[in-house]
C-alpha atoms as a PDB file:
ATOM      1  CA  MET A   1     137.808 115.405 105.763  1.00  0.00           C
ATOM      2  CA  LEU A   2     137.652 116.801 102.242  1.00  0.00           C
ATOM      3  CA  GLY A   3     137.701 114.313  99.377  1.00  0.00           C
ATOM      4  CA  ASP A   4     139.903 113.325  96.456  1.00  0.00           C
ATOM      5  CA  LEU A   5     141.883 115.920  94.522  1.00  0.00           C
ATOM      6  CA  TYR A   6     141.166 116.139  90.789  1.00  0.00           C
ATOM      7  CA  LEU A   7     142.161 118.428  87.920  1.00  0.00           C
ATOM      8  CA  CYS A   8     139.258 120.435  86.523  1.00  0.00           C
ATOM      9  CA  ALA A   9     138.651 120.344  82.787  1.00  0.00           C
ATOM     10  CA  SER A  10     139.312 124.001  82.001  1.00  0.00           C
ATOM     11  CA  ALA A  11     142.405 124.214  84.200  1.00  0.00           C
ATOM     12  CA  LEU A  12     144.602 122.503  81.593  1.00  0.00           C
ATOM     13  CA  ASP A  13     144.869 123.956  78.103  1.00  0.00           C
ATOM     14  CA  THR A  14     145.665 120.950  75.935  1.00  0.00           C
ATOM     15  CA  PRO A  15     143.578 119.196  73.271  1.00  0.00           C
ATOM     16  CA  ASP A  16     145.642 115.999  73.628  1.00  0.00           C
ATOM     17  CA  PHE A  17     143.868 113.415  75.782  1.00  0.00           C
ATOM     18  CA  ARG A  18     147.046 111.460  76.462  1.00  0.00           C
ATOM     19  CA  VAL A  19     148.900 114.598  77.571  1.00  0.00           C
ATOM     20  CA  ARG A  20     145.992 115.610  79.792  1.00  0.00           C
ATOM     21  CA  CYS A  21     146.002 112.223  81.506  1.00  0.00           C
ATOM     22  CA  SER A  22     149.778 111.883  81.795  1.00  0.00           C
ATOM     23  CA  SER A  23     150.081 115.399  83.230  1.00  0.00           C
ATOM     24  CA  ALA A  24     147.380 114.749  85.824  1.00  0.00           C
ATOM     25  CA  SER A  25     148.771 111.357  86.754  1.00  0.00           C
ATOM     26  CA  ARG A  26     152.393 112.503  87.097  1.00  0.00           C
ATOM     27  CA  ALA A  27     151.312 115.349  89.344  1.00  0.00           C
ATOM     28  CA  GLY A  28     149.346 113.032  91.617  1.00  0.00           C
ATOM     29  CA  TYR A  29     145.663 113.788  90.969  1.00  0.00           C
ATOM     30  CA  CYS A  30     143.102 111.022  91.443  1.00  0.00           C
ATOM     31  CA  GLY A  31     141.096 112.084  88.424  1.00  0.00           C
ATOM     32  CA  ILE A  32     140.223 114.710  85.853  1.00  0.00           C
ATOM     33  CA  GLY A  33     137.328 116.727  84.556  1.00  0.00           C
ATOM     34  CA  LEU A  34     136.294 116.686  80.900  1.00  0.00           C
ATOM     35  CA  ARG A  35     134.001 118.467  78.504  1.00  0.00           C
ATOM     36  CA  PRO A  36     132.344 116.785  75.509  1.00  0.00           C
ATOM     37  CA  GLY A  37     134.716 118.701  73.222  1.00  0.00           C
ATOM     38  CA  HIS A  38     137.707 116.946  74.789  1.00  0.00           C
ATOM     39  CA  TYR A  39     136.099 113.592  74.041  1.00  0.00           C
ATOM     40  CA  GLU A  40     135.182 114.588  70.489  1.00  0.00           C
ATOM     41  CA  ARG A  41     138.724 115.761  69.713  1.00  0.00           C
ATOM     42  CA  ALA A  42     140.161 112.523  71.071  1.00  0.00           C
ATOM     43  CA  ARG A  43     137.853 110.493  68.845  1.00  0.00           C
ATOM     44  CA  ALA A  44     138.695 112.737  65.870  1.00  0.00           C
ATOM     45  CA  VAL A  45     142.385 111.777  66.080  1.00  0.00           C
ATOM     46  CA  GLY A  46     141.532 108.093  66.018  1.00  0.00           C
ATOM     47  CA  LEU A  47     141.192 107.054  69.649  1.00  0.00           C
ATOM     48  CA  THR A  48     138.372 104.617  70.326  1.00  0.00           C
ATOM     49  CA  ASP A  49     136.231 104.520  73.444  1.00  0.00           C
ATOM     50  CA  ALA A  50     138.214 101.486  74.549  1.00  0.00           C
ATOM     51  CA  ASP A  51     141.453 103.430  74.009  1.00  0.00           C
ATOM     52  CA  LEU A  52     140.198 106.293  76.176  1.00  0.00           C
ATOM     53  CA  ARG A  53     139.142 103.975  78.978  1.00  0.00           C
ATOM     54  CA  ALA A  54     142.524 102.241  78.798  1.00  0.00           C
ATOM     55  CA  ILE A  55     144.421 105.547  78.935  1.00  0.00           C
ATOM     56  CA  LEU A  56     142.512 106.584  82.043  1.00  0.00           C
ATOM     57  CA  ALA A  57     143.101 103.200  83.674  1.00  0.00           C
ATOM     58  CA  ASP A  58     146.789 103.080  82.724  1.00  0.00           C
ATOM     59  CA  HIS A  59     147.281 106.432  84.443  1.00  0.00           C
ATOM     60  CA  GLY A  60     145.290 105.457  87.519  1.00  0.00           C
ATOM     61  CA  LEU A  61     142.686 108.146  86.878  1.00  0.00           C
ATOM     62  CA  GLU A  62     138.927 108.385  86.892  1.00  0.00           C
ATOM     63  CA  LEU A  63     136.624 110.884  85.255  1.00  0.00           C
ATOM     64  CA  VAL A  64     135.291 112.934  88.175  1.00  0.00           C
ATOM     65  CA  GLU A  65     133.659 116.027  86.690  1.00  0.00           C
ATOM     66  CA  ILE A  66     131.720 116.635  83.479  1.00  0.00           C
ATOM     67  CA  GLY A  67     130.748 120.142  82.532  1.00  0.00           C
ATOM     68  CA  PHE A  68     129.327 122.443  82.023  1.00  0.00           C
ATOM     69  CA  VAL A  69     125.655 123.075  81.210  1.00  0.00           C
ATOM     70  CA  ALA A  70     124.312 126.606  80.727  1.00  0.00           C
ATOM     71  CA  GLY A  71     120.813 127.526  79.610  1.00  0.00           C
ATOM     72  CA  TRP A  72     119.183 124.804  81.717  1.00  0.00           C
ATOM     73  CA  TRP A  73     116.803 127.563  82.852  1.00  0.00           C
ATOM     74  CA  ASP A  74     115.465 128.091  79.315  1.00  0.00           C
ATOM     75  CA  THR A  75     112.181 126.878  77.860  1.00  0.00           C
ATOM     76  CA  GLY A  76     110.881 126.106  74.371  1.00  0.00           C
ATOM     77  CA  GLU A  77     113.312 125.781  71.455  1.00  0.00           C
ATOM     78  CA  LYS A  78     116.232 126.989  73.563  1.00  0.00           C
ATOM     79  CA  ALA A  79     115.571 124.220  76.093  1.00  0.00           C
ATOM     80  CA  ALA A  80     115.561 121.627  73.310  1.00  0.00           C
ATOM     81  CA  ARG A  81     119.067 122.719  72.259  1.00  0.00           C
ATOM     82  CA  VAL A  82     120.265 122.549  75.854  1.00  0.00           C
ATOM     83  CA  HIS A  83     118.878 119.023  76.181  1.00  0.00           C
ATOM     84  CA  GLN A  84     120.931 118.019  73.146  1.00  0.00           C
ATOM     85  CA  HIS A  85     124.021 119.381  74.884  1.00  0.00           C
ATOM     86  CA  GLU A  86     123.059 117.430  77.994  1.00  0.00           C
ATOM     87  CA  GLN A  87     122.912 114.270  75.957  1.00  0.00           C
ATOM     88  CA  ALA A  88     126.555 114.773  74.943  1.00  0.00           C
ATOM     89  CA  MET A  89     127.396 115.002  78.650  1.00  0.00           C
ATOM     90  CA  PHE A  90     125.468 111.837  79.392  1.00  0.00           C
ATOM     91  CA  ARG A  91     127.136 109.944  76.532  1.00  0.00           C
ATOM     92  CA  LEU A  92     130.479 110.944  78.013  1.00  0.00           C
ATOM     93  CA  ALA A  93     129.404 109.594  81.405  1.00  0.00           C
ATOM     94  CA  ASP A  94     128.128 106.359  79.886  1.00  0.00           C
ATOM     95  CA  THR A  95     131.438 105.910  78.051  1.00  0.00           C
ATOM     96  CA  LEU A  96     134.030 106.986  80.622  1.00  0.00           C
ATOM     97  CA  GLY A  97     132.181 107.280  83.922  1.00  0.00           C
ATOM     98  CA  GLY A  98     131.933 110.410  86.035  1.00  0.00           C
ATOM     99  CA  ARG A  99     130.804 111.503  89.469  1.00  0.00           C
ATOM    100  CA  HIS A 100     129.067 114.798  88.816  1.00  0.00           C
ATOM    101  CA  LEU A 101     127.768 117.234  86.228  1.00  0.00           C
ATOM    102  CA  VAL A 102     128.271 120.997  86.601  1.00  0.00           C
ATOM    103  CA  LEU A 103     125.465 123.468  85.961  1.00  0.00           C
ATOM    104  CA  ILE A 104     126.318 127.155  86.027  1.00  0.00           C
ATOM    105  CA  GLY A 105     124.052 129.749  87.588  1.00  0.00           C
ATOM    106  CA  GLY A 106     121.975 132.052  85.462  1.00  0.00           C
ATOM    107  CA  PRO A 107     118.983 134.386  85.342  1.00  0.00           C
ATOM    108  CA  LEU A 108     115.980 134.038  87.628  1.00  0.00           C
ATOM    109  CA  ALA A 109     113.498 135.990  85.553  1.00  0.00           C
ATOM    110  CA  ASP A 110     110.845 133.311  86.121  1.00  0.00           C
ATOM    111  CA  GLY A 111     111.555 133.038  89.841  1.00  0.00           C
ATOM    112  CA  ILE A 112     113.086 130.499  92.209  1.00  0.00           C
ATOM    113  CA  THR A 113     110.235 127.988  91.867  1.00  0.00           C
ATOM    114  CA  ALA A 114     110.576 127.765  88.094  1.00  0.00           C
ATOM    115  CA  ALA A 115     114.365 127.499  88.336  1.00  0.00           C
ATOM    116  CA  ALA A 116     114.010 124.719  90.909  1.00  0.00           C
ATOM    117  CA  GLU A 117     111.647 122.768  88.636  1.00  0.00           C
ATOM    118  CA  ARG A 118     114.093 122.998  85.731  1.00  0.00           C
ATOM    119  CA  PHE A 119     117.024 122.093  87.984  1.00  0.00           C
ATOM    120  CA  ALA A 120     115.049 119.064  89.188  1.00  0.00           C
ATOM    121  CA  GLY A 121     114.559 118.023  85.567  1.00  0.00           C
ATOM    122  CA  VAL A 122     118.311 117.990  84.952  1.00  0.00           C
ATOM    123  CA  CYS A 123     118.825 116.020  88.173  1.00  0.00           C
ATOM    124  CA  ASP A 124     116.271 113.412  87.066  1.00  0.00           C
ATOM    125  CA  ARG A 125     117.878 113.006  83.658  1.00  0.00           C
ATOM    126  CA  ALA A 126     121.383 112.845  85.165  1.00  0.00           C
ATOM    127  CA  ALA A 127     120.344 110.240  87.723  1.00  0.00           C
ATOM    128  CA  GLY A 128     119.789 107.764  84.919  1.00  0.00           C
ATOM    129  CA  HIS A 129     123.495 108.033  84.139  1.00  0.00           C
ATOM    130  CA  GLY A 130     124.756 107.786  87.717  1.00  0.00           C
ATOM    131  CA  LEU A 131     125.606 111.481  88.013  1.00  0.00           C
ATOM    132  CA  ARG A 132     125.153 113.997  90.766  1.00  0.00           C
ATOM    133  CA  VAL A 133     124.403 117.570  89.673  1.00  0.00           C
ATOM    134  CA  GLY A 134     126.150 120.583  91.161  1.00  0.00           C
ATOM    135  CA  LEU A 135     124.881 124.140  90.712  1.00  0.00           C
ATOM    136  CA  GLU A 136     127.765 126.608  90.545  1.00  0.00           C
ATOM    137  CA  PHE A 137     126.778 130.159  91.463  1.00  0.00           C
ATOM    138  CA  LEU A 138     128.445 133.055  89.594  1.00  0.00           C
ATOM    139  CA  PRO A 139     128.727 136.582  91.056  1.00  0.00           C
ATOM    140  CA  TRP A 140     127.672 138.347  87.836  1.00  0.00           C
ATOM    141  CA  THR A 141     124.387 136.385  87.507  1.00  0.00           C
ATOM    142  CA  ASP A 142     121.095 136.340  89.394  1.00  0.00           C
ATOM    143  CA  THR A 143     122.326 133.117  90.993  1.00  0.00           C
ATOM    144  CA  SER A 144     125.192 134.986  92.585  1.00  0.00           C
ATOM    145  CA  ASP A 145     125.729 133.371  95.975  1.00  0.00           C
ATOM    146  CA  ALA A 146     125.446 130.183  98.000  1.00  0.00           C
ATOM    147  CA  ALA A 147     122.160 131.207  99.607  1.00  0.00           C
ATOM    148  CA  THR A 148     120.392 131.696  96.273  1.00  0.00           C
ATOM    149  CA  ALA A 149     121.844 128.543  94.751  1.00  0.00           C
ATOM    150  CA  TRP A 150     120.812 126.493  97.779  1.00  0.00           C
ATOM    151  CA  ARG A 151     117.259 127.856  97.609  1.00  0.00           C
ATOM    152  CA  ILE A 152     117.059 126.433  94.077  1.00  0.00           C
ATOM    153  CA  ALA A 153     118.621 123.065  94.911  1.00  0.00           C
ATOM    154  CA  GLU A 154     116.614 122.659  98.119  1.00  0.00           C
ATOM    155  CA  ALA A 155     113.333 123.508  96.405  1.00  0.00           C
ATOM    156  CA  ALA A 156     114.139 121.038  93.627  1.00  0.00           C
ATOM    157  CA  GLY A 157     114.072 118.261  96.215  1.00  0.00           C
ATOM    158  CA  ARG A 158     116.414 115.876  94.423  1.00  0.00           C
ATOM    159  CA  ASP A 159     118.919 113.859  96.441  1.00  0.00           C
ATOM    160  CA  ASN A 160     121.492 113.949  93.625  1.00  0.00           C
ATOM    161  CA  GLY A 161     121.318 117.746  93.340  1.00  0.00           C
ATOM    162  CA  GLY A 162     123.464 120.179  95.294  1.00  0.00           C
ATOM    163  CA  LEU A 163     126.059 122.933  94.998  1.00  0.00           C
ATOM    164  CA  ILE A 164     129.527 123.410  93.578  1.00  0.00           C
ATOM    165  CA  LEU A 165     131.614 125.634  95.847  1.00  0.00           C
ATOM    166  CA  ASP A 166     134.103 127.524  93.694  1.00  0.00           C
ATOM    167  CA  THR A 167     136.410 129.498  95.978  1.00  0.00           C
ATOM    168  CA  TRP A 168     136.798 132.254  93.373  1.00  0.00           C
ATOM    169  CA  HIS A 169     133.046 132.822  93.202  1.00  0.00           C
ATOM    170  CA  LEU A 170     132.676 132.480  96.953  1.00  0.00           C
ATOM    171  CA  ARG A 171     135.206 135.222  97.649  1.00  0.00           C
ATOM    172  CA  ARG A 172     134.373 137.529  94.737  1.00  0.00           C
ATOM    173  CA  GLY A 173     130.634 137.165  95.331  1.00  0.00           C
ATOM    174  CA  HIS A 174     128.447 137.781  98.328  1.00  0.00           C
ATOM    175  CA  SER A 175     128.298 134.413 100.068  1.00  0.00           C
ATOM    176  CA  THR A 176     128.516 134.420 103.841  1.00  0.00           C
ATOM    177  CA  GLU A 177     129.632 131.877 106.400  1.00  0.00           C
ATOM    178  CA  ALA A 178     126.023 131.678 107.606  1.00  0.00           C
ATOM    179  CA  SER A 179     124.809 130.761 104.110  1.00  0.00           C
ATOM    180  CA  LEU A 180     127.390 127.974 103.839  1.00  0.00           C
ATOM    181  CA  ARG A 181     126.242 126.582 107.161  1.00  0.00           C
ATOM    182  CA  GLU A 182     122.693 126.335 105.806  1.00  0.00           C
ATOM    183  CA  VAL A 183     123.731 123.784 103.165  1.00  0.00           C
ATOM    184  CA  PRO A 184     123.779 120.153 104.376  1.00  0.00           C
ATOM    185  CA  PRO A 185     127.360 118.901 103.962  1.00  0.00           C
ATOM    186  CA  GLY A 186     126.264 115.958 101.860  1.00  0.00           C
ATOM    187  CA  ARG A 187     124.745 118.345  99.322  1.00  0.00           C
ATOM    188  CA  ILE A 188     128.095 119.931  98.486  1.00  0.00           C
ATOM    189  CA  VAL A 189     128.911 118.104  95.268  1.00  0.00           C
ATOM    190  CA  ALA A 190     132.452 119.433  94.719  1.00  0.00           C
ATOM    191  CA  ILE A 191     134.832 122.217  95.721  1.00  0.00           C
ATOM    192  CA  GLN A 192     136.806 124.036  93.034  1.00  0.00           C
ATOM    193  CA  VAL A 193     139.878 125.825  94.334  1.00  0.00           C
ATOM    194  CA  SER A 194     141.751 128.853  93.050  1.00  0.00           C
ATOM    195  CA  ASP A 195     142.944 132.151  94.475  1.00  0.00           C
ATOM    196  CA  GLY A 196     142.715 135.741  93.350  1.00  0.00           C
ATOM    197  CA  ARG A 197     142.430 139.388  94.270  1.00  0.00           C
ATOM    198  CA  TYR A 198     139.339 141.232  95.397  1.00  0.00           C
ATOM    199  CA  GLN A 199     139.905 144.166  93.064  1.00  0.00           C
ATOM    200  CA  VAL A 200     138.185 143.713  89.705  1.00  0.00           C
ATOM    201  CA  VAL A 201     140.630 144.361  86.856  1.00  0.00           C
ATOM    202  CA  ASP A 202     138.763 143.733  83.599  1.00  0.00           C
ATOM    203  CA  GLY A 203     135.374 142.606  84.875  1.00  0.00           C
ATOM    204  CA  ASP A 204     134.419 139.459  86.735  1.00  0.00           C
ATOM    205  CA  ILE A 205     134.058 137.291  83.633  1.00  0.00           C
ATOM    206  CA  ASP A 206     137.437 138.163  82.126  1.00  0.00           C
ATOM    207  CA  ASP A 207     139.157 137.949  85.501  1.00  0.00           C
ATOM    208  CA  THR A 208     137.638 134.572  86.313  1.00  0.00           C
ATOM    209  CA  PHE A 209     138.714 132.966  83.028  1.00  0.00           C
ATOM    210  CA  ARG A 210     142.147 134.570  82.683  1.00  0.00           C
ATOM    211  CA  ARG A 211     143.508 135.959  85.945  1.00  0.00           C
ATOM    212  CA  ARG A 212     143.009 133.468  88.730  1.00  0.00           C
ATOM    213  CA  LEU A 213     146.009 132.785  90.937  1.00  0.00           C
ATOM    214  CA  LEU A 214     147.485 129.639  92.388  1.00  0.00           C
ATOM    215  CA  PRO A 215     146.032 128.816  95.814  1.00  0.00           C
ATOM    216  CA  GLY A 216     147.943 130.673  98.504  1.00  0.00           C
ATOM    217  CA  HIS A 217     149.168 133.323  96.041  1.00  0.00           C
ATOM    218  CA  GLY A 218     146.226 135.701  96.339  1.00  0.00           C
ATOM    219  CA  GLU A 219     144.008 137.475  98.848  1.00  0.00           C
ATOM    220  CA  PHE A 220     141.253 134.927  99.479  1.00  0.00           C
ATOM    221  CA  ASP A 221     142.571 133.367 102.721  1.00  0.00           C
ATOM    222  CA  LEU A 222     141.865 129.893 101.405  1.00  0.00           C
ATOM    223  CA  PRO A 223     143.158 127.931 104.432  1.00  0.00           C
ATOM    224  CA  ASP A 224     140.523 129.532 106.666  1.00  0.00           C
ATOM    225  CA  LEU A 225     137.784 129.072 104.075  1.00  0.00           C
ATOM    226  CA  LEU A 226     138.622 125.415 103.485  1.00  0.00           C
ATOM    227  CA  ARG A 227     138.958 124.712 107.208  1.00  0.00           C
ATOM    228  CA  LEU A 228     135.460 126.102 107.622  1.00  0.00           C
ATOM    229  CA  VAL A 229     134.096 123.916 104.831  1.00  0.00           C
ATOM    230  CA  ALA A 230     135.817 120.825 106.240  1.00  0.00           C
ATOM    231  CA  SER A 231     134.558 121.611 109.758  1.00  0.00           C
ATOM    232  CA  LEU A 232     130.995 121.475 108.460  1.00  0.00           C
ATOM    233  CA  GLY A 233     131.510 117.818 107.539  1.00  0.00           C
ATOM    234  CA  VAL A 234     131.917 118.273 103.786  1.00  0.00           C
ATOM    235  CA  THR A 235     133.693 115.317 102.148  1.00  0.00           C
ATOM    236  CA  ALA A 236     133.268 116.348  98.501  1.00  0.00           C
ATOM    237  CA  PRO A 237     136.091 115.979  95.970  1.00  0.00           C
ATOM    238  CA  VAL A 238     138.373 118.985  95.517  1.00  0.00           C
ATOM    239  CA  GLY A 239     139.136 120.273  92.041  1.00  0.00           C
ATOM    240  CA  ALA A 240     142.135 122.436  91.160  1.00  0.00           C
ATOM    241  CA  GLU A 241     140.760 125.108  88.823  1.00  0.00           C
ATOM    242  CA  VAL A 242     143.342 127.834  88.312  1.00  0.00           C
ATOM    243  CA  LEU A 243     142.184 129.547  85.129  1.00  0.00           C
ATOM    244  CA  SER A 244     145.225 131.604  84.306  1.00  0.00           C
ATOM    245  CA  ASP A 245     146.887 132.850  81.134  1.00  0.00           C
ATOM    246  CA  GLU A 246     150.239 132.444  82.879  1.00  0.00           C
ATOM    247  CA  LEU A 247     149.640 128.766  83.643  1.00  0.00           C
ATOM    248  CA  ARG A 248     148.297 128.113  80.156  1.00  0.00           C
ATOM    249  CA  ALA A 249     151.613 129.359  78.746  1.00  0.00           C
ATOM    250  CA  LEU A 250     153.488 126.599  80.605  1.00  0.00           C
ATOM    251  CA  PRO A 251     153.879 122.963  79.543  1.00  0.00           C
ATOM    252  CA  SER A 252     150.838 120.955  80.649  1.00  0.00           C
ATOM    253  CA  ALA A 253     152.776 118.780  83.088  1.00  0.00           C
ATOM    254  CA  GLU A 254     154.296 121.803  84.820  1.00  0.00           C
ATOM    255  CA  SER A 255     150.971 123.630  85.021  1.00  0.00           C
ATOM    256  CA  ALA A 256     149.234 120.585  86.517  1.00  0.00           C
ATOM    257  CA  GLN A 257     152.038 120.079  89.054  1.00  0.00           C
ATOM    258  CA  LEU A 258     152.048 123.701  90.206  1.00  0.00           C
ATOM    259  CA  ALA A 259     148.289 123.691  90.678  1.00  0.00           C
ATOM    260  CA  LEU A 260     148.342 120.456  92.668  1.00  0.00           C
ATOM    261  CA  GLU A 261     151.158 121.537  94.989  1.00  0.00           C
ATOM    262  CA  ALA A 262     149.529 124.904  95.656  1.00  0.00           C
ATOM    263  CA  THR A 263     146.107 123.361  96.263  1.00  0.00           C
ATOM    264  CA  ARG A 264     147.486 120.769  98.661  1.00  0.00           C
ATOM    265  CA  ALA A 265     149.269 123.498 100.594  1.00  0.00           C
ATOM    266  CA  VAL A 266     145.999 125.268 101.484  1.00  0.00           C
ATOM    267  CA  LEU A 267     143.948 122.175 102.315  1.00  0.00           C
ATOM    268  CA  PRO A 268     143.242 121.307 105.955  1.00  0.00           C
ATOM    269  CA  ARG A 269     145.828 118.898 107.335  1.00  0.00           C
ATOM    270  CA  HIS A 270     143.260 116.545 108.839  1.00  0.00           C
END
C-alpha cells in the first residue's frame, strides 16, 4: 500500500508559512514539502523556529520533503557552493524534521561511477540529519530514466539512497515497466504525482514547471501506473506536485484541495 499523502513544496505558490500549512491541513494532507527559501522568508517576517514547529504541530502536519539539490555532480569550487546549499537543507531538517531530501538528475560527463561516488557523499552527509536521499530523473538530462537513476543509486551502495518517482518524468521520459521492476521497493523514496499530455508544447522544462495537469485530467493513465508501483510493494509517501499556472492563479486553499482530491482519485483503493 502506498504511503502518506503530502503537498510538495513547489505545488503551492505562497510565501506565507501559515497559509501554506493551513491550506495543506484543511485539504487533508499529512505533511508538506519545503525549500530553504520558504524557511528563510518565514524567519524574515518574524517567526521563530519555535513558532514554525508550533504551526506545523497545530495543523497536524510534518515536514516530509526537503528539496532540491542540483549540482551535486560537480567538483572543485562548484561543489563547495553546492555543499553550502546542502547545509541550508540540513539546517531545515534539524529545525523542523523531514523524511527525505530530493536530488535532481544531471549530466554524466564523468560516468556512472563518478556520479555514484558523489551521490554516496550526499547520502552520507544526509544520514547525519536523519534524511533519506531520493534521486529524481529528468527526461532532458543524462539521468533521464529510472534505469539510469537506479544504476547510480545502486552503485552508490547507501541504504538511505534511492529514487524519486515523478509521474510526469516517468511518462514524458523513457522509463519502462521492466526498469521499475528492477528497483527494490524499499529504495523508492517518494512518488510525486501529476498528469499531463505527451505532446511537448514549449519544451520539457517549461511544460514541467507551468503546464502539468491535475491527476486524472491528462493522458498519463495514472491509475494503471500507480497500481503497478503499489503491486511492486512500494510504500513510499505520495506527493501531490501539480506545477500549473492555472492552479497558481487560485487561492492557496483551493489549489491544495483540488490537487489532493484529484490525487486521491487515481490512487489504488487498497
